[in-house]
Amino acid sequence: MSVAESKPWFVYLVRAANGALYCGISDDAQRRFSDHQRGRGARFFHSSPAVALVYVEACASKGDALRREIAIKRLTKSAKERLVAQTAVTCCE
């Protein structure tokens, strides 16, 4: 297994100033959140800035992270809010 295959990947949710949730993946969720705060990486934040990294979930591979991202994006807003409420962001503090 190569280093790239063994590196952890993360699915994350970022709350925008308007209350919306953005779901993405990264090998460094905190760095990616910082990018979003600076207006880089997602058009989603052009209309409402990123204000908080509210959920991070570790995945074994990039493929697993992509599959989990799809599953989370298919959730209703209320289901995403429950996911955020039940899970504390601990890996990136």
N, C-alpha and C. Protein backbone atom coordinates (compact mmCIF):
# COMPACT_ATOMS: atom_id res chain seq x y z
N MET A 1 0.85 -1.18 0.00
CA MET A 1 0.00 0.00 0.00
C MET A 1 0.89 1.24 0.00
N SER A 2 0.60 2.19 -0.90
CA SER A 2 1.39 3.41 -0.99
C SER A 2 0.98 4.39 0.11
N VAL A 3 1.81 5.41 0.29
CA VAL A 3 1.51 6.43 1.30
C VAL A 3 0.19 7.13 0.98
N ALA A 4 -0.06 7.40 -0.31
CA ALA A 4 -1.30 8.08 -0.70
C ALA A 4 -2.52 7.25 -0.36
N GLU A 5 -2.41 5.93 -0.47
CA GLU A 5 -3.55 5.07 -0.17
C GLU A 5 -3.81 4.96 1.32
N SER A 6 -2.78 5.11 2.13
CA SER A 6 -2.95 4.95 3.57
C SER A 6 -3.28 6.25 4.28
N LYS A 7 -3.18 7.36 3.58
CA LYS A 7 -3.47 8.67 4.18
C LYS A 7 -4.96 8.79 4.47
N PRO A 8 -5.33 9.24 5.66
CA PRO A 8 -6.76 9.39 5.96
C PRO A 8 -7.39 10.52 5.15
N TRP A 9 -8.65 10.33 4.84
CA TRP A 9 -9.45 11.35 4.18
C TRP A 9 -10.62 11.67 5.09
N PHE A 10 -11.18 12.84 4.92
CA PHE A 10 -12.25 13.30 5.79
C PHE A 10 -13.41 13.83 4.97
N VAL A 11 -14.61 13.58 5.46
CA VAL A 11 -15.82 14.23 4.97
C VAL A 11 -16.12 15.31 5.99
N TYR A 12 -16.47 16.49 5.52
CA TYR A 12 -16.71 17.58 6.46
C TYR A 12 -17.94 18.38 6.06
N LEU A 13 -18.52 19.04 7.04
CA LEU A 13 -19.62 19.98 6.81
C LEU A 13 -19.20 21.35 7.34
N VAL A 14 -19.41 22.36 6.53
CA VAL A 14 -19.12 23.74 6.91
C VAL A 14 -20.43 24.51 6.89
N ARG A 15 -20.64 25.29 7.93
CA ARG A 15 -21.83 26.15 7.99
C ARG A 15 -21.49 27.51 7.38
N ALA A 16 -22.36 27.95 6.49
CA ALA A 16 -22.23 29.27 5.88
C ALA A 16 -22.96 30.29 6.75
N ALA A 17 -22.67 31.55 6.52
CA ALA A 17 -23.28 32.63 7.31
C ALA A 17 -24.80 32.62 7.22
N ASN A 18 -25.34 32.14 6.10
CA ASN A 18 -26.80 32.10 5.94
C ASN A 18 -27.43 30.85 6.55
N GLY A 19 -26.62 30.00 7.21
CA GLY A 19 -27.13 28.80 7.87
C GLY A 19 -27.05 27.54 7.04
N ALA A 20 -26.76 27.66 5.76
CA ALA A 20 -26.65 26.50 4.88
C ALA A 20 -25.44 25.64 5.27
N LEU A 21 -25.51 24.36 4.93
CA LEU A 21 -24.41 23.44 5.18
C LEU A 21 -23.78 23.01 3.87
N TYR A 22 -22.47 23.06 3.81
CA TYR A 22 -21.71 22.62 2.64
C TYR A 22 -20.97 21.34 3.00
N CYS A 23 -21.06 20.33 2.16
CA CYS A 23 -20.39 19.05 2.39
C CYS A 23 -19.26 18.89 1.38
N GLY A 24 -18.10 18.47 1.88
CA GLY A 24 -16.96 18.23 1.01
C GLY A 24 -16.05 17.18 1.59
N ILE A 25 -14.97 16.86 0.84
CA ILE A 25 -13.96 15.93 1.34
C ILE A 25 -12.59 16.57 1.21
N SER A 26 -11.66 16.11 2.04
CA SER A 26 -10.29 16.61 1.99
C SER A 26 -9.39 15.68 2.79
N ASP A 27 -8.11 15.76 2.52
CA ASP A 27 -7.15 15.02 3.34
C ASP A 27 -6.72 15.88 4.54
N ASP A 28 -7.21 17.12 4.60
CA ASP A 28 -6.93 18.02 5.71
C ASP A 28 -8.14 18.96 5.87
N ALA A 29 -9.09 18.57 6.68
CA ALA A 29 -10.35 19.30 6.79
C ALA A 29 -10.15 20.72 7.33
N GLN A 30 -9.26 20.90 8.27
CA GLN A 30 -9.03 22.24 8.83
C GLN A 30 -8.44 23.17 7.79
N ARG A 31 -7.47 22.69 7.01
CA ARG A 31 -6.88 23.51 5.94
C ARG A 31 -7.94 23.87 4.91
N ARG A 32 -8.78 22.90 4.57
CA ARG A 32 -9.82 23.14 3.57
C ARG A 32 -10.83 24.17 4.07
N PHE A 33 -11.18 24.08 5.35
CA PHE A 33 -12.07 25.08 5.94
C PHE A 33 -11.44 26.47 5.86
N SER A 34 -10.16 26.56 6.16
CA SER A 34 -9.45 27.85 6.05
C SER A 34 -9.51 28.38 4.62
N ASP A 35 -9.35 27.48 3.64
CA ASP A 35 -9.47 27.88 2.24
C ASP A 35 -10.86 28.45 1.97
N HIS A 36 -11.88 27.77 2.46
CA HIS A 36 -13.26 28.24 2.27
C HIS A 36 -13.46 29.61 2.91
N GLN A 37 -12.88 29.82 4.07
CA GLN A 37 -13.02 31.12 4.75
C GLN A 37 -12.37 32.24 3.93
N ARG A 38 -11.33 31.89 3.19
CA ARG A 38 -10.65 32.88 2.34
C ARG A 38 -11.31 33.00 0.96
N GLY A 39 -12.42 32.28 0.77
CA GLY A 39 -13.14 32.37 -0.49
C GLY A 39 -12.56 31.51 -1.60
N ARG A 40 -11.75 30.52 -1.23
CA ARG A 40 -11.13 29.63 -2.22
C ARG A 40 -11.80 28.27 -2.22
N GLY A 41 -11.92 27.68 -3.41
CA GLY A 41 -12.27 26.28 -3.50
C GLY A 41 -13.73 25.91 -3.72
N ALA A 42 -14.66 26.78 -3.45
CA ALA A 42 -16.06 26.42 -3.68
C ALA A 42 -16.88 27.69 -3.94
N ARG A 43 -17.58 27.70 -5.05
CA ARG A 43 -18.46 28.84 -5.37
C ARG A 43 -19.58 28.98 -4.35
N PHE A 44 -19.89 27.88 -3.68
CA PHE A 44 -20.95 27.87 -2.67
C PHE A 44 -20.81 29.04 -1.71
N PHE A 45 -19.58 29.39 -1.35
CA PHE A 45 -19.34 30.41 -0.34
C PHE A 45 -19.23 31.83 -0.90
N HIS A 46 -19.44 32.00 -2.21
CA HIS A 46 -19.40 33.34 -2.78
C HIS A 46 -20.57 34.19 -2.31
N SER A 47 -21.72 33.56 -2.12
CA SER A 47 -22.90 34.32 -1.70
C SER A 47 -23.04 34.43 -0.19
N SER A 48 -22.44 33.49 0.54
CA SER A 48 -22.52 33.51 2.00
C SER A 48 -21.24 32.88 2.55
N PRO A 49 -20.42 33.63 3.26
CA PRO A 49 -19.11 33.13 3.70
C PRO A 49 -19.18 31.94 4.67
N ALA A 50 -18.11 31.15 4.64
CA ALA A 50 -17.96 30.03 5.57
C ALA A 50 -17.70 30.58 6.97
N VAL A 51 -18.45 30.08 7.96
CA VAL A 51 -18.28 30.59 9.32
C VAL A 51 -17.83 29.54 10.33
N ALA A 52 -18.14 28.25 10.09
CA ALA A 52 -17.77 27.25 11.09
C ALA A 52 -17.63 25.86 10.46
N LEU A 53 -16.59 25.16 10.87
CA LEU A 53 -16.43 23.75 10.54
C LEU A 53 -17.22 23.00 11.60
N VAL A 54 -18.33 22.38 11.21
CA VAL A 54 -19.26 21.83 12.21
C VAL A 54 -19.27 20.32 12.29
N TYR A 55 -18.66 19.64 11.32
CA TYR A 55 -18.68 18.18 11.33
C TYR A 55 -17.48 17.66 10.55
N VAL A 56 -16.78 16.68 11.12
CA VAL A 56 -15.68 16.02 10.43
C VAL A 56 -15.76 14.53 10.73
N GLU A 57 -15.67 13.73 9.68
CA GLU A 57 -15.71 12.28 9.81
C GLU A 57 -14.53 11.69 9.06
N ALA A 58 -13.71 10.90 9.73
CA ALA A 58 -12.55 10.26 9.11
C ALA A 58 -12.99 9.06 8.28
N CYS A 59 -12.34 8.88 7.15
CA CYS A 59 -12.60 7.75 6.27
C CYS A 59 -11.27 7.07 5.94
N ALA A 60 -11.33 5.80 5.64
CA ALA A 60 -10.11 5.01 5.40
C ALA A 60 -9.43 5.35 4.08
N SER A 61 -10.19 5.84 3.11
CA SER A 61 -9.60 6.12 1.80
C SER A 61 -10.38 7.25 1.13
N LYS A 62 -9.81 7.76 0.05
CA LYS A 62 -10.50 8.80 -0.71
C LYS A 62 -11.81 8.26 -1.28
N GLY A 63 -11.80 7.04 -1.76
CA GLY A 63 -13.02 6.43 -2.29
C GLY A 63 -14.11 6.33 -1.24
N ASP A 64 -13.72 5.92 -0.02
CA ASP A 64 -14.69 5.85 1.08
C ASP A 64 -15.24 7.24 1.40
N ALA A 65 -14.36 8.24 1.38
CA ALA A 65 -14.80 9.61 1.66
C ALA A 65 -15.77 10.10 0.59
N LEU A 66 -15.48 9.80 -0.67
CA LEU A 66 -16.38 10.20 -1.75
C LEU A 66 -17.75 9.55 -1.61
N ARG A 67 -17.77 8.26 -1.27
CA ARG A 67 -19.04 7.56 -1.09
C ARG A 67 -19.83 8.14 0.09
N ARG A 68 -19.13 8.45 1.17
CA ARG A 68 -19.80 9.02 2.34
C ARG A 68 -20.32 10.43 2.04
N GLU A 69 -19.54 11.20 1.28
CA GLU A 69 -19.97 12.55 0.89
C GLU A 69 -21.28 12.47 0.10
N ILE A 70 -21.37 11.54 -0.83
CA ILE A 70 -22.59 11.36 -1.62
C ILE A 70 -23.76 11.02 -0.70
N ALA A 71 -23.52 10.11 0.25
CA ALA A 71 -24.58 9.71 1.17
C ALA A 71 -25.05 10.90 2.01
N ILE A 72 -24.13 11.70 2.49
CA ILE A 72 -24.50 12.86 3.31
C ILE A 72 -25.24 13.89 2.47
N LYS A 73 -24.78 14.12 1.24
CA LYS A 73 -25.45 15.10 0.38
C LYS A 73 -26.89 14.69 0.06
N ARG A 74 -27.17 13.40 0.10
CA ARG A 74 -28.53 12.92 -0.16
C ARG A 74 -29.46 13.08 1.05
N LEU A 75 -28.90 13.37 2.22
CA LEU A 75 -29.71 13.55 3.42
C LEU A 75 -30.51 14.85 3.33
N THR A 76 -31.61 14.88 4.04
CA THR A 76 -32.37 16.13 4.15
C THR A 76 -31.58 17.10 5.04
N LYS A 77 -31.96 18.36 4.97
CA LYS A 77 -31.30 19.37 5.81
C LYS A 77 -31.46 19.02 7.29
N SER A 78 -32.63 18.55 7.68
CA SER A 78 -32.85 18.22 9.09
C SER A 78 -31.99 17.02 9.51
N ALA A 79 -31.80 16.06 8.62
CA ALA A 79 -30.94 14.91 8.94
C ALA A 79 -29.48 15.35 9.06
N LYS A 80 -29.06 16.28 8.22
CA LYS A 80 -27.69 16.82 8.32
C LYS A 80 -27.52 17.57 9.64
N GLU A 81 -28.53 18.32 10.03
CA GLU A 81 -28.47 19.06 11.30
C GLU A 81 -28.38 18.09 12.48
N ARG A 82 -29.11 16.96 12.41
CA ARG A 82 -29.01 15.95 13.47
C ARG A 82 -27.61 15.36 13.52
N LEU A 83 -27.01 15.13 12.37
CA LEU A 83 -25.64 14.62 12.30
C LEU A 83 -24.68 15.59 12.97
N VAL A 84 -24.83 16.86 12.69
CA VAL A 84 -24.00 17.89 13.30
C VAL A 84 -24.21 17.94 14.81
N ALA A 85 -25.46 17.87 15.24
CA ALA A 85 -25.78 17.96 16.66
C ALA A 85 -25.26 16.77 17.46
N GLN A 86 -25.20 15.61 16.84
CA GLN A 86 -24.78 14.38 17.53
C GLN A 86 -23.27 14.19 17.56
N THR A 87 -22.54 14.96 16.80
CA THR A 87 -21.11 14.74 16.65
C THR A 87 -20.33 16.01 16.90
N ALA A 88 -19.36 15.93 17.77
CA ALA A 88 -18.48 17.08 18.02
C ALA A 88 -17.29 17.01 17.08
N VAL A 89 -16.83 18.17 16.63
CA VAL A 89 -15.62 18.24 15.81
C VAL A 89 -14.44 18.14 16.76
N THR A 90 -13.71 17.03 16.69
CA THR A 90 -12.60 16.84 17.62
C THR A 90 -11.27 16.65 16.93
N CYS A 91 -11.26 16.27 15.66
CA CYS A 91 -9.99 15.93 15.03
C CYS A 91 -9.20 17.18 14.61
N CYS A 92 -9.84 18.30 14.53
CA CYS A 92 -9.18 19.46 13.93
C CYS A 92 -9.01 20.64 14.88
N GLU A 93 -9.20 20.43 16.13
CA GLU A 93 -9.09 21.55 17.08
C GLU A 93 -7.68 21.70 17.57
